[in-house]
Every structure is written in C-alpha cells, then in structure tokens.
Amino acid sequence: MKVKNPNLKNMAHLSTNKSSSSKLNTLAKNKMGNQAGSLNKSSTKVNLSERAQQMSKAKEIASQPSFNSEKVARLQNMIDNGTYKIDSAAVADRLVDSHLIFGE
C-alpha cells in the first residue's frame, strides 16, 4: 500500500545518517553511565519498617544463648546439696493464673 502525501515535497531531511545516529547512541550511553556512577558514589538511606525492625530484634535475641549457664550451675549445686526448696503454694498460684489467662 502506498501512501501519498502531496505536502511532503522534500523527504531528504527525514532520512537518518548512520554516523550521527551512532554519535547520539554513544552520547546517550555516556550520559547514562555518568548517572549510574553518580548513584554509586552517593550515599543511600534505607528506612526499615516497624515489622522489619522487630524481625531484626527477634533474630538478635534468637542468636543469644537460650539459657543462663550461671543460674543452671547455681541451681544444680543447690539440688546436689539438698538446699533447693520448692514453694508449692507459689507453683500452684502460677498454675491457676496460667489457666485463667490462657484457658488451658
């Protein structure tokens, strides 16, 4: 299909010149490279959400030892010596409180 437009008399100015096209591409690439370089040089600020901060704290806590070795050694010595006394009333109170709070 041919399109005829009588208004377009001189189409020479519409043709592309390969040398000028390649120069434009080179300039565009250089400009993009300079912008990327400036992004790498600038400092970047990151804001973590509250959830991400909580997860970070949870990971930190999880990486710590899960028990107090000094307390375990002290309690083991008390049990071995027969000096460890259990307060049965306090244990019963805590069991009842736990059942009332959690319904278990």
Protein backbone atom coordinates (compact mmCIF):
# COMPACT_ATOMS: atom_id res chain seq x y z
CA MET A 1 0.00 0.00 0.00
CA LYS A 2 1.40 3.36 -0.95
CA VAL A 3 0.70 6.49 1.00
CA LYS A 4 0.82 9.65 -1.00
CA ASN A 5 1.11 12.99 0.71
CA PRO A 6 1.41 15.99 -1.56
CA ASN A 7 2.55 18.16 1.37
CA LEU A 8 5.83 16.26 1.72
CA LYS A 9 7.97 17.50 -1.12
CA ASN A 10 11.43 17.03 0.31
CA MET A 11 11.93 13.88 2.36
CA ALA A 12 15.72 14.17 2.49
CA HIS A 13 15.66 15.80 5.92
CA LEU A 14 13.82 12.75 7.33
CA SER A 15 16.49 10.22 6.41
CA THR A 16 18.81 9.13 9.19
CA ASN A 17 22.53 9.44 8.99
CA LYS A 18 24.29 6.40 10.49
CA SER A 19 27.25 8.38 11.78
CA SER A 20 25.09 10.93 13.59
CA SER A 21 22.87 8.13 14.91
CA SER A 22 25.86 6.27 16.36
CA LYS A 23 27.15 9.51 17.90
CA LEU A 24 23.81 10.04 19.60
CA ASN A 25 23.84 6.48 20.92
CA THR A 26 27.37 6.96 22.27
CA LEU A 27 26.39 10.22 23.96
CA ALA A 28 23.31 8.61 25.48
CA LYS A 29 25.34 5.68 26.82
CA ASN A 30 27.97 8.01 28.30
CA LYS A 31 25.29 10.09 29.98
CA MET A 32 23.64 7.00 31.44
CA GLY A 33 27.00 5.71 32.62
CA ASN A 34 27.75 9.02 34.34
CA GLN A 35 24.39 8.98 36.07
CA ALA A 36 24.93 5.41 37.25
CA GLY A 37 28.38 6.34 38.53
CA SER A 38 26.98 9.25 40.48
CA LEU A 39 24.38 6.95 42.02
CA ASN A 40 27.10 4.60 43.19
CA LYS A 41 29.07 7.46 44.74
CA SER A 42 26.15 8.99 46.64
CA SER A 43 25.04 7.65 49.99
CA THR A 44 21.82 5.68 50.17
CA LYS A 45 19.45 5.91 53.11
CA VAL A 46 17.30 2.92 53.98
CA ASN A 47 14.29 3.11 56.29
CA LEU A 48 13.16 -0.19 57.74
CA SER A 49 9.53 -0.76 58.56
CA GLU A 50 8.49 -1.43 62.13
CA ARG A 51 7.94 -5.08 61.23
CA ALA A 52 11.47 -5.37 59.79
CA GLN A 53 12.91 -3.79 62.94
CA GLN A 54 11.00 -6.32 65.07
CA MET A 55 12.30 -9.17 62.94
CA SER A 56 15.84 -7.87 63.32
CA LYS A 57 15.45 -7.76 67.11
CA ALA A 58 13.95 -11.27 67.11
CA LYS A 59 16.91 -12.62 65.15
CA GLU A 60 19.31 -10.92 67.56
CA ILE A 61 17.55 -12.45 70.57
CA ALA A 62 17.42 -15.88 68.91
CA SER A 63 21.17 -15.82 68.29
CA GLN A 64 21.89 -15.36 72.01
CA PRO A 65 22.26 -18.41 74.27
CA SER A 66 18.84 -19.70 75.33
CA PHE A 67 19.79 -20.31 78.96
CA ASN A 68 21.81 -18.74 81.76
CA SER A 69 24.65 -21.15 82.48
CA GLU A 70 25.50 -19.46 85.80
CA LYS A 71 21.93 -19.86 87.05
CA VAL A 72 21.87 -23.51 85.94
CA ALA A 73 25.15 -24.21 87.78
CA ARG A 74 23.85 -22.47 90.94
CA LEU A 75 20.58 -24.43 90.89
CA GLN A 76 22.44 -27.70 90.22
CA ASN A 77 24.65 -27.09 93.27
CA MET A 78 21.56 -26.33 95.41
CA ILE A 79 19.87 -29.56 94.26
CA ASP A 80 23.04 -31.61 94.85
CA ASN A 81 23.44 -30.13 98.36
CA GLY A 82 19.75 -30.61 99.19
CA THR A 83 19.24 -26.89 99.83
CA TYR A 84 16.88 -26.27 96.90
CA LYS A 85 13.38 -25.71 98.29
CA ILE A 86 10.26 -25.62 96.16
CA ASP A 87 7.48 -23.25 97.20
CA SER A 88 4.48 -25.41 96.34
CA ALA A 89 1.99 -22.59 97.06
CA ALA A 90 3.75 -20.28 94.54
CA VAL A 91 3.80 -23.05 91.94
CA ALA A 92 0.07 -23.71 92.45
CA ASP A 93 -0.73 -19.98 92.21
CA ARG A 94 1.14 -19.68 88.93
CA LEU A 95 -0.58 -22.76 87.51
CA VAL A 96 -4.01 -21.31 88.36
CA ASP A 97 -3.07 -17.90 86.96
CA SER A 98 -1.81 -19.51 83.75
CA HIS A 99 -5.05 -21.49 83.41
CA LEU A 100 -7.17 -18.36 83.95
CA ILE A 101 -5.17 -16.27 81.46
CA PHE A 102 -4.67 -18.81 78.68
CA GLY A 103 -7.63 -21.11 79.36
CA GLU A 104 -5.52 -24.23 79.22
